[in-house]
N, C-alpha and C. Protein backbone atom coordinates (compact mmCIF):
# COMPACT_ATOMS: atom_id res chain seq x y z
N MET A 1 13.31 -10.38 -23.27
CA MET A 1 12.28 -9.90 -22.86
C MET A 1 11.74 -9.15 -21.64
N LEU A 2 11.58 -9.98 -21.00
CA LEU A 2 11.29 -9.75 -19.31
C LEU A 2 12.23 -8.63 -19.10
N LEU A 3 13.30 -8.67 -19.11
CA LEU A 3 14.35 -7.84 -18.45
C LEU A 3 14.01 -6.64 -19.38
N SER A 4 13.75 -6.38 -20.52
CA SER A 4 13.39 -4.98 -20.99
C SER A 4 12.28 -4.68 -20.48
N LEU A 5 11.27 -5.21 -20.02
CA LEU A 5 9.79 -4.55 -19.94
C LEU A 5 10.13 -4.11 -18.24
N TRP A 6 11.10 -5.31 -17.53
CA TRP A 6 11.78 -4.80 -16.11
C TRP A 6 12.52 -3.43 -16.18
N GLY A 7 13.26 -3.30 -16.79
CA GLY A 7 13.70 -1.81 -17.57
C GLY A 7 13.04 -0.91 -17.46
N TYR A 8 12.15 -0.85 -18.40
CA TYR A 8 11.24 -0.09 -19.06
C TYR A 8 10.45 0.45 -17.86
N LYS A 9 9.82 -0.37 -17.30
CA LYS A 9 8.83 0.09 -15.81
C LYS A 9 10.03 0.62 -14.63
N GLU A 10 10.96 0.51 -14.21
CA GLU A 10 11.66 1.16 -13.45
C GLU A 10 12.06 2.63 -14.26
N ILE A 11 12.62 2.76 -15.00
CA ILE A 11 12.46 3.66 -15.63
C ILE A 11 11.85 5.04 -15.64
N ARG A 12 10.51 4.50 -15.84
CA ARG A 12 9.47 4.96 -15.82
C ARG A 12 8.68 5.55 -15.11
N ASN A 13 9.15 4.44 -13.31
CA ASN A 13 8.79 4.54 -12.48
C ASN A 13 9.51 5.74 -11.84
N ASN A 14 10.77 5.98 -12.53
CA ASN A 14 11.62 7.19 -11.98
C ASN A 14 11.35 8.44 -12.35
N LEU A 15 10.38 8.64 -13.77
CA LEU A 15 10.10 10.00 -13.83
C LEU A 15 8.49 10.39 -13.85
N ILE A 16 8.29 9.76 -13.14
CA ILE A 16 6.62 9.82 -12.97
C ILE A 16 6.70 10.20 -11.32
N GLN A 17 5.85 11.56 -11.21
CA GLN A 17 6.11 11.88 -9.50
C GLN A 17 5.03 11.58 -8.80
N PRO A 18 5.34 10.92 -8.03
CA PRO A 18 3.95 9.77 -7.28
C PRO A 18 2.82 11.42 -7.06
N GLN A 19 1.56 10.34 -6.86
CA GLN A 19 0.62 11.77 -6.47
C GLN A 19 -0.27 11.84 -5.15
N ALA A 20 0.22 11.02 -4.59
CA ALA A 20 -0.18 10.31 -3.02
C ALA A 20 0.81 9.52 -2.16
N ILE A 21 0.00 9.54 -1.31
CA ILE A 21 1.16 8.41 -0.54
C ILE A 21 -0.47 6.90 0.37
N LEU A 22 -0.04 6.20 -0.14
CA LEU A 22 -0.63 4.77 0.50
C LEU A 22 -0.09 4.24 1.19
N VAL A 23 -0.72 4.25 2.82
CA VAL A 23 -0.26 3.39 3.77
C VAL A 23 -1.19 2.03 4.11
N LEU A 24 -0.21 1.05 4.31
CA LEU A 24 -1.17 -0.65 4.42
C LEU A 24 -0.54 -0.43 5.71
N GLY A 25 -1.86 -0.44 6.50
CA GLY A 25 -1.59 0.09 8.08
C GLY A 25 -1.40 -1.61 8.82
N GLY A 26 -0.34 -1.72 9.60
CA GLY A 26 -0.01 -2.72 10.69
C GLY A 26 -0.55 -2.80 12.02
N SER A 27 0.39 -3.00 12.47
CA SER A 27 0.61 -3.35 14.33
C SER A 27 -0.03 -2.03 14.44
N THR A 28 -0.96 -2.32 15.15
CA THR A 28 -2.04 -1.27 16.14
C THR A 28 -1.30 -0.91 17.27
N ARG A 29 -0.24 -1.37 17.73
CA ARG A 29 0.74 -1.24 19.22
C ARG A 29 1.29 -0.46 19.20
N LYS A 30 2.27 -0.65 18.07
CA LYS A 30 3.54 1.06 18.16
C LYS A 30 3.32 1.96 16.69
N LEU A 31 2.07 2.00 15.98
CA LEU A 31 1.98 3.11 15.05
C LEU A 31 3.21 3.21 14.23
N GLU A 32 4.23 1.87 14.04
CA GLU A 32 5.30 2.09 13.63
C GLU A 32 5.57 2.69 12.27
N ARG A 33 4.32 2.50 11.35
CA ARG A 33 4.22 2.63 9.58
C ARG A 33 3.78 4.11 9.67
N GLU A 34 2.57 4.57 10.84
CA GLU A 34 1.96 5.81 10.98
C GLU A 34 3.28 6.46 11.47
N LYS A 35 3.93 6.84 12.07
CA LYS A 35 4.92 7.17 12.73
C LYS A 35 6.10 7.48 11.02
N PHE A 36 6.37 6.45 10.90
CA PHE A 36 6.96 6.52 9.57
C PHE A 36 6.80 7.72 8.74
N THR A 37 5.67 6.99 8.32
CA THR A 37 4.78 7.93 7.00
C THR A 37 4.72 9.54 7.72
N ALA A 38 4.30 9.56 8.73
CA ALA A 38 4.19 11.16 9.20
C ALA A 38 5.47 12.00 8.58
N GLY A 39 6.48 11.31 9.17
CA GLY A 39 8.27 11.66 8.84
C GLY A 39 8.07 11.77 7.42
N PHE A 40 7.90 10.85 6.48
CA PHE A 40 7.95 11.19 5.20
C PHE A 40 7.43 11.98 4.23
N ALA A 41 5.57 11.91 5.09
CA ALA A 41 4.74 13.15 4.12
C ALA A 41 5.43 14.40 4.66
N ARG A 42 6.09 14.83 5.19
CA ARG A 42 6.45 15.98 5.51
C ARG A 42 7.17 16.25 4.67
N LYS A 43 8.39 15.29 3.75
CA LYS A 43 8.88 16.02 2.83
C LYS A 43 7.76 16.62 0.95
N TYR A 44 6.95 15.77 1.07
CA TYR A 44 5.73 15.88 0.16
C TYR A 44 4.79 16.30 0.62
N PRO A 45 4.33 17.84 1.32
CA PRO A 45 3.46 18.81 2.01
C PRO A 45 2.12 18.38 1.00
N ASN A 46 2.17 18.35 -0.36
CA ASN A 46 0.87 18.86 -1.08
C ASN A 46 0.13 17.22 -1.03
N LEU A 47 0.88 15.84 -1.24
CA LEU A 47 0.41 14.98 -1.27
C LEU A 47 -0.79 14.30 -0.22
N PRO A 48 -1.93 13.75 -0.59
CA PRO A 48 -2.73 13.21 0.11
C PRO A 48 -2.25 11.88 0.15
N ILE A 49 -2.55 11.92 2.16
CA ILE A 49 -1.91 10.15 2.66
C ILE A 49 -3.02 9.49 3.18
N LEU A 50 -3.23 8.49 2.32
CA LEU A 50 -4.05 7.17 2.03
C LEU A 50 -3.81 6.21 2.94
N ILE A 51 -4.83 5.40 4.35
CA ILE A 51 -4.21 4.82 5.05
C ILE A 51 -5.01 3.44 4.95
N SER A 52 -4.88 2.20 4.41
CA SER A 52 -5.92 1.30 4.36
C SER A 52 -5.39 0.23 5.77
N GLY A 53 -6.69 -0.10 6.53
CA GLY A 53 -6.17 -0.49 7.55
C GLY A 53 -5.73 0.28 8.81
N GLY A 54 -5.10 -0.18 9.95
CA GLY A 54 -4.11 0.36 10.75
C GLY A 54 -4.99 0.86 11.81
N SER A 55 -4.12 1.69 12.63
CA SER A 55 -4.52 1.89 13.88
C SER A 55 -5.98 2.74 13.92
N PRO A 56 -6.38 2.64 15.26
CA PRO A 56 -7.72 3.32 15.38
C PRO A 56 -7.40 5.15 14.82
N ASN A 57 -8.60 5.71 14.26
CA ASN A 57 -8.20 7.36 13.82
C ASN A 57 -7.86 8.26 15.30
N GLY A 58 -8.04 8.18 16.05
CA GLY A 58 -7.52 8.86 17.21
C GLY A 58 -6.13 9.23 17.27
N ALA A 59 -5.58 7.45 17.49
CA ALA A 59 -4.43 7.55 17.64
C ALA A 59 -3.10 7.61 16.20
N THR A 60 -3.80 7.49 15.02
CA THR A 60 -3.16 7.97 13.69
C THR A 60 -2.97 9.51 13.55
N LYS A 61 -4.53 10.04 13.73
CA LYS A 61 -4.49 11.57 13.80
C LYS A 61 -3.12 12.11 14.53
N GLN A 62 -3.27 11.68 16.02
CA GLN A 62 -2.44 12.09 17.14
C GLN A 62 -0.73 12.05 16.62
N VAL A 63 -0.64 10.87 15.80
CA VAL A 63 0.92 10.99 15.20
C VAL A 63 1.24 11.75 14.07
N PHE A 64 0.36 11.96 13.03
CA PHE A 64 0.74 12.98 12.29
C PHE A 64 0.39 14.40 12.79
N VAL A 65 -0.57 14.85 13.61
CA VAL A 65 -0.53 16.64 14.41
C VAL A 65 0.93 16.53 15.23
N LYS A 66 1.35 15.69 15.93
CA LYS A 66 2.87 15.68 16.62
C LYS A 66 3.86 16.13 15.76
N ALA A 67 3.83 15.32 14.29
CA ALA A 67 4.92 15.29 13.21
C ALA A 67 4.55 16.74 12.49
N GLY A 68 3.41 17.16 12.34
CA GLY A 68 3.49 18.88 11.82
C GLY A 68 3.02 18.79 10.79
N VAL A 69 2.23 17.49 10.71
CA VAL A 69 1.48 17.40 8.99
C VAL A 69 -0.31 17.45 9.71
N ASP A 70 -1.11 18.52 8.68
CA ASP A 70 -2.04 18.64 8.82
C ASP A 70 -3.14 17.31 8.68
N VAL A 71 -3.97 16.87 9.09
CA VAL A 71 -4.60 15.95 9.18
C VAL A 71 -5.95 15.99 7.99
N LYS A 72 -5.69 17.28 7.52
CA LYS A 72 -7.21 17.41 6.72
C LYS A 72 -6.26 16.49 5.35
N ARG A 73 -5.11 16.02 5.33
CA ARG A 73 -4.88 15.26 4.23
C ARG A 73 -4.65 13.69 4.72
N LEU A 74 -5.21 13.31 5.57
CA LEU A 74 -5.38 11.59 5.95
C LEU A 74 -6.57 11.39 5.27
N TYR A 75 -6.96 10.39 4.79
CA TYR A 75 -7.99 9.47 4.38
C TYR A 75 -7.70 8.37 4.59
N LEU A 76 -8.50 7.84 5.90
CA LEU A 76 -8.38 6.70 6.26
C LEU A 76 -9.68 5.72 6.83
N ASP A 77 -9.13 4.66 5.81
CA ASP A 77 -9.85 3.61 5.55
C ASP A 77 -9.52 2.30 6.00
N HIS A 78 -11.01 2.02 6.61
CA HIS A 78 -10.64 0.87 7.65
C HIS A 78 -11.66 -0.46 7.46
N GLU A 79 -12.02 -0.27 6.06
CA GLU A 79 -12.65 -1.73 5.11
C GLU A 79 -11.62 -2.78 4.52
N ALA A 80 -10.39 -2.30 5.02
CA ALA A 80 -9.38 -4.02 4.30
C ALA A 80 -9.70 -4.95 5.30
N VAL A 81 -9.57 -6.00 5.33
CA VAL A 81 -8.92 -7.03 6.42
C VAL A 81 -8.47 -8.02 6.00
N ASP A 82 -7.58 -7.55 5.09
CA ASP A 82 -6.07 -8.48 4.91
C ASP A 82 -5.18 -7.72 3.68
N THR A 83 -3.98 -7.89 3.01
CA THR A 83 -3.51 -6.76 2.29
C THR A 83 -4.01 -7.13 0.93
N VAL A 84 -4.99 -7.97 0.21
CA VAL A 84 -5.55 -7.91 -0.78
C VAL A 84 -6.18 -7.03 -0.89
N SER A 85 -7.22 -6.80 0.11
CA SER A 85 -8.32 -6.38 0.46
C SER A 85 -7.67 -4.48 0.83
N ASN A 86 -6.62 -4.17 0.92
CA ASN A 86 -5.61 -3.05 1.08
C ASN A 86 -6.22 -2.43 0.08
N PHE A 87 -5.81 -2.96 -0.64
CA PHE A 87 -5.36 -2.43 -2.38
C PHE A 87 -7.21 -2.76 -3.12
N THR A 88 -7.97 -3.82 -3.08
CA THR A 88 -9.03 -3.67 -3.57
C THR A 88 -9.76 -2.65 -3.09
N THR A 89 -10.28 -2.49 -1.72
CA THR A 89 -10.63 -1.16 -1.21
C THR A 89 -10.97 0.02 -2.02
N LEU A 90 -9.35 0.52 -2.62
CA LEU A 90 -8.88 1.77 -2.42
C LEU A 90 -8.61 2.13 -4.16
N VAL A 91 -8.47 1.28 -4.97
CA VAL A 91 -8.09 1.37 -6.35
C VAL A 91 -9.15 1.84 -7.18
N ASP A 92 -10.38 1.82 -6.51
CA ASP A 92 -11.41 2.65 -7.67
C ASP A 92 -11.39 3.63 -7.25
N ASP A 93 -10.91 4.41 -5.64
CA ASP A 93 -10.98 5.92 -5.23
C ASP A 93 -9.73 6.26 -5.70
N LEU A 94 -8.71 5.30 -6.03
CA LEU A 94 -7.59 6.25 -6.76
C LEU A 94 -7.65 6.69 -8.07
N GLU A 95 -8.41 5.68 -8.75
CA GLU A 95 -8.69 5.65 -10.41
C GLU A 95 -9.59 6.91 -10.55
N ARG A 96 -10.74 7.22 -9.59
CA ARG A 96 -11.37 8.25 -9.47
C ARG A 96 -11.14 9.47 -9.00
N ARG A 97 -9.96 9.78 -8.59
CA ARG A 97 -9.44 10.92 -8.62
C ARG A 97 -8.19 11.50 -9.47
N GLY A 98 -7.95 10.22 -10.24
CA GLY A 98 -6.87 10.42 -11.59
C GLY A 98 -5.44 10.23 -11.31
N ILE A 99 -5.84 9.72 -9.79
CA ILE A 99 -4.00 9.30 -9.50
C ILE A 99 -3.60 8.22 -10.27
N ARG A 100 -2.51 8.25 -10.74
CA ARG A 100 -1.97 7.44 -11.85
C ARG A 100 -0.41 7.14 -11.09
N SER A 101 0.32 7.27 -10.18
CA SER A 101 1.27 7.03 -9.24
C SER A 101 1.67 7.07 -8.03
N ILE A 102 1.67 6.28 -6.98
CA ILE A 102 1.73 6.19 -5.33
C ILE A 102 2.74 5.99 -5.06
N TYR A 103 3.30 6.53 -3.62
CA TYR A 103 4.24 5.89 -2.73
C TYR A 103 3.54 4.87 -2.31
N LEU A 104 4.14 3.73 -2.24
CA LEU A 104 4.00 2.40 -1.51
C LEU A 104 4.38 2.04 -0.34
N ILE A 105 3.96 2.57 0.94
CA ILE A 105 4.74 2.26 2.41
C ILE A 105 4.06 1.20 3.26
N THR A 106 4.96 -0.10 3.58
CA THR A 106 4.60 -0.75 4.25
C THR A 106 5.73 -1.39 5.04
N SER A 107 6.05 -1.92 5.94
CA SER A 107 7.01 -2.85 6.56
C SER A 107 8.05 -3.57 5.70
N LYS A 108 8.99 -3.54 5.98
CA LYS A 108 10.38 -4.12 4.96
C LYS A 108 9.97 -6.03 4.79
N TYR A 109 9.74 -6.23 5.96
CA TYR A 109 8.94 -7.47 5.96
C TYR A 109 7.95 -7.64 5.18
N HIS A 110 7.01 -6.55 4.78
CA HIS A 110 5.67 -7.26 3.99
C HIS A 110 6.07 -6.32 2.72
N MET A 111 6.64 -5.76 2.72
CA MET A 111 7.03 -5.22 0.91
C MET A 111 7.04 -6.34 0.04
N GLY A 112 7.38 -7.61 -0.14
CA GLY A 112 7.53 -8.27 -1.00
C GLY A 112 6.12 -8.94 -1.65
N ARG A 113 5.52 -8.99 -0.36
CA ARG A 113 3.96 -9.08 -0.99
C ARG A 113 3.31 -8.30 -1.74
N ALA A 114 3.23 -7.24 -0.98
CA ALA A 114 2.71 -5.85 -1.11
C ALA A 114 3.15 -5.82 -2.54
N LYS A 115 4.26 -5.59 -2.91
CA LYS A 115 4.62 -5.43 -4.20
C LYS A 115 3.87 -6.43 -5.37
N VAL A 116 3.74 -7.61 -4.77
CA VAL A 116 3.26 -8.69 -5.87
C VAL A 116 1.70 -8.25 -6.14
N ILE A 117 0.86 -8.07 -5.09
CA ILE A 117 -0.33 -7.63 -5.31
C ILE A 117 -0.50 -6.26 -5.75
N GLY A 118 0.37 -5.31 -5.34
CA GLY A 118 -0.05 -4.15 -6.05
C GLY A 118 0.62 -3.99 -7.33
N GLU A 119 1.30 -4.87 -8.14
CA GLU A 119 1.88 -4.67 -9.52
C GLU A 119 0.23 -5.29 -10.03
N ILE A 120 -0.33 -6.30 -9.45
CA ILE A 120 -1.51 -7.47 -10.40
C ILE A 120 -2.75 -6.13 -10.27
N ILE A 121 -3.02 -5.78 -8.86
CA ILE A 121 -4.39 -4.72 -8.40
C ILE A 121 -4.18 -3.15 -9.03
N LEU A 122 -2.96 -2.72 -9.05
CA LEU A 122 -2.75 -1.65 -9.14
C LEU A 122 -2.48 -1.42 -10.87
N GLY A 123 -1.57 -2.07 -11.31
CA GLY A 123 -1.21 -2.42 -12.11
C GLY A 123 -2.29 -2.60 -13.59
N SER A 124 -3.34 -3.43 -12.70
CA SER A 124 -4.65 -3.41 -13.91
C SER A 124 -5.61 -2.24 -14.00
N ARG A 125 -5.24 -1.09 -13.41
CA ARG A 125 -5.84 0.15 -13.68
C ARG A 125 -4.43 1.35 -13.97
N GLY A 126 -3.45 0.87 -14.84
CA GLY A 126 -2.29 1.33 -14.69
C GLY A 126 -2.11 2.29 -13.58
N ILE A 127 -1.79 2.25 -12.93
CA ILE A 127 -1.55 3.04 -11.90
C ILE A 127 -0.14 2.30 -11.12
N ASN A 128 0.88 3.01 -10.76
CA ASN A 128 2.37 2.99 -11.00
C ASN A 128 2.83 3.09 -9.44
N PHE A 129 3.49 2.23 -8.76
CA PHE A 129 3.99 2.74 -7.29
C PHE A 129 5.50 2.64 -7.64
N LYS A 130 5.73 3.42 -5.92
CA LYS A 130 7.27 3.61 -5.59
C LYS A 130 7.45 2.85 -4.20
N ALA A 131 8.31 2.02 -4.25
CA ALA A 131 8.00 0.98 -3.23
C ALA A 131 8.82 2.13 -1.61
N VAL A 132 8.60 2.16 -0.33
CA VAL A 132 8.84 2.59 0.88
C VAL A 132 8.59 2.17 1.60
N PRO A 133 10.02 1.15 1.84
CA PRO A 133 9.79 0.50 2.86
C PRO A 133 10.31 0.74 4.22
N VAL A 134 9.14 0.93 5.58
CA VAL A 134 9.67 0.85 6.84
C VAL A 134 10.92 -0.30 7.53
N PRO A 135 11.68 0.38 7.55
CA PRO A 135 12.90 -0.84 8.64
C PRO A 135 11.86 -2.10 9.65
N SER A 136 11.90 -2.96 9.45
CA SER A 136 11.77 -3.47 10.17
C SER A 136 12.80 -4.47 10.60
N ARG A 137 12.86 -5.65 12.20
CA ARG A 137 13.54 -6.41 12.28
C ARG A 137 13.38 -7.92 11.69
N LYS A 138 12.36 -8.15 10.96
CA LYS A 138 12.13 -9.36 10.74
C LYS A 138 12.35 -9.30 8.88
N GLN A 139 12.69 -10.12 8.52
CA GLN A 139 13.80 -10.29 7.11
C GLN A 139 12.59 -10.02 6.17
N SER A 140 12.00 -11.01 5.78
CA SER A 140 10.89 -10.51 4.71
C SER A 140 10.00 -12.29 4.95
N GLU A 141 8.44 -11.81 4.31
CA GLU A 141 7.51 -13.22 4.62
C GLU A 141 7.80 -14.49 4.01
N PRO A 142 7.31 -15.50 3.82
CA PRO A 142 7.67 -16.66 3.11
C PRO A 142 7.12 -16.21 2.15
N VAL A 143 7.89 -16.96 0.43
CA VAL A 143 7.52 -16.56 -0.83
C VAL A 143 6.00 -16.65 -0.78
N ALA A 144 5.51 -17.86 -0.38
CA ALA A 144 4.04 -18.73 -0.24
C ALA A 144 3.11 -17.94 -0.04
N THR A 145 3.16 -17.08 1.20
CA THR A 145 2.42 -15.87 1.05
C THR A 145 2.31 -14.90 -0.01
N SER A 146 3.17 -14.53 -0.79
CA SER A 146 3.32 -13.64 -1.98
C SER A 146 2.48 -14.78 -3.31
N ILE A 147 2.61 -15.75 -3.29
CA ILE A 147 1.93 -16.60 -4.69
C ILE A 147 0.64 -16.78 -3.85
N ARG A 148 0.19 -17.00 -3.00
CA ARG A 148 -1.04 -17.20 -2.40
C ARG A 148 -1.92 -15.26 -3.09
N ASP A 149 -1.45 -14.87 -2.28
CA ASP A 149 -2.02 -13.99 -2.76
C ASP A 149 -1.98 -12.82 -3.87
N GLY A 150 -1.01 -13.10 -4.62
CA GLY A 150 -0.98 -12.96 -6.28
C GLY A 150 -1.96 -13.53 -6.76
N ALA A 151 -2.27 -14.72 -6.45
CA ALA A 151 -3.52 -15.17 -7.14
C ALA A 151 -4.86 -15.05 -6.65
N ARG A 152 -4.77 -14.36 -5.49
CA ARG A 152 -6.14 -13.78 -4.92
C ARG A 152 -6.32 -12.26 -5.56
N ALA A 153 -5.12 -11.84 -6.15
CA ALA A 153 -5.11 -10.58 -6.56
C ALA A 153 -5.74 -10.96 -8.29
N LEU A 154 -5.03 -12.03 -8.72
CA LEU A 154 -5.55 -12.17 -9.89
C LEU A 154 -7.00 -12.56 -10.30
N LEU A 155 -7.41 -13.44 -9.61
CA LEU A 155 -8.69 -13.65 -8.95
C LEU A 155 -9.38 -12.10 -9.08
N TRP A 156 -9.52 -10.99 -7.83
CA TRP A 156 -10.10 -10.16 -8.06
C TRP A 156 -10.16 -9.59 -9.21
N VAL A 157 -9.08 -9.12 -10.26
CA VAL A 157 -8.67 -8.67 -11.43
C VAL A 157 -9.38 -9.20 -11.96
N THR A 158 -9.82 -10.70 -12.50
CA THR A 158 -10.43 -11.15 -13.50
C THR A 158 -12.01 -11.58 -13.18
N THR A 159 -12.35 -11.05 -12.39
CA THR A 159 -13.44 -11.32 -11.36
C THR A 159 -14.51 -10.56 -10.50
N GLY A 160 -14.01 -9.77 -10.17
CA GLY A 160 -14.02 -8.57 -8.73
C GLY A 160 -14.41 -9.55 -7.68
N TYR A 161 -14.27 -10.72 -7.29
CA TYR A 161 -14.11 -11.49 -6.16
C TYR A 161 -13.24 -12.06 -6.11
N THR A 162 -12.93 -12.24 -4.27
CA THR A 162 -11.48 -12.71 -3.80
C THR A 162 -12.39 -13.74 -2.85
N VAL A 163 -11.59 -14.60 -2.51
CA VAL A 163 -11.46 -15.24 -1.43
C VAL A 163 -10.65 -14.43 -0.24
N THR A 164 -10.87 -14.75 1.19
CA THR A 164 -10.40 -13.96 2.51
C THR A 164 -9.36 -15.31 3.17
N LYS A 165 -8.71 -14.82 3.45
CA LYS A 165 -7.47 -15.71 4.41
C LYS A 165 -8.50 -17.10 5.21
N LYS A 166 -9.52 -16.26 5.68
CA LYS A 166 -9.92 -16.48 7.00
C LYS A 166 -10.98 -18.24 6.17
N SER A 167 -11.64 -17.71 4.88
CA SER A 167 -12.65 -18.51 3.80
C SER A 167 -11.96 -19.95 3.66
N LEU A 168 -10.05 -19.20 3.40
CA LEU A 168 -9.36 -20.46 3.23
C LEU A 168 -8.96 -21.34 4.45
N LYS A 169 -9.34 -20.96 5.84
CA LYS A 169 -8.67 -21.11 6.53
C LYS A 169 -7.25 -21.00 6.75
N ILE A 170 -6.70 -20.32 6.77
CA ILE A 170 -5.63 -19.85 6.79
C ILE A 170 -5.47 -18.66 8.08
N LYS A 171 -4.05 -19.94 8.61
CA LYS A 171 -3.81 -19.07 9.62
C LYS A 171 -2.61 -17.78 9.69
């Protein structure tokens, strides 16, 4: 049964053309995710680019200008404080815009956890995503972080509230 559901979801995701690009902001030192996204976005010139968290606006815009991407396509959101809130702060906006499918960009290291959270939060609104990992030197995060943040995402979907890593005293 689960295999059938997974197969159906994969087929559906391959048939649906994403309507936006969502970038989970990363390290502000190197702008790696922003640089990768600028190159990726040139292939899809009509898609809006939403960046949750990430580098300061000026540095981010400079990356996209240098890559020849119109900064009018950018929507920069700095409300998120962690990966769960990357999704919770933008899902209402995606839904309001009628966006049903996105490209989800984050580092390969971070993608496993992002996919778990995205399946729960975006999936709760019927929004699909195609994962586009940014190459990274690290392998992948510990499974425990995906479990923890998956539980936080479920809490948000069922109650509208979540705890933060800070309130849990997680380092």
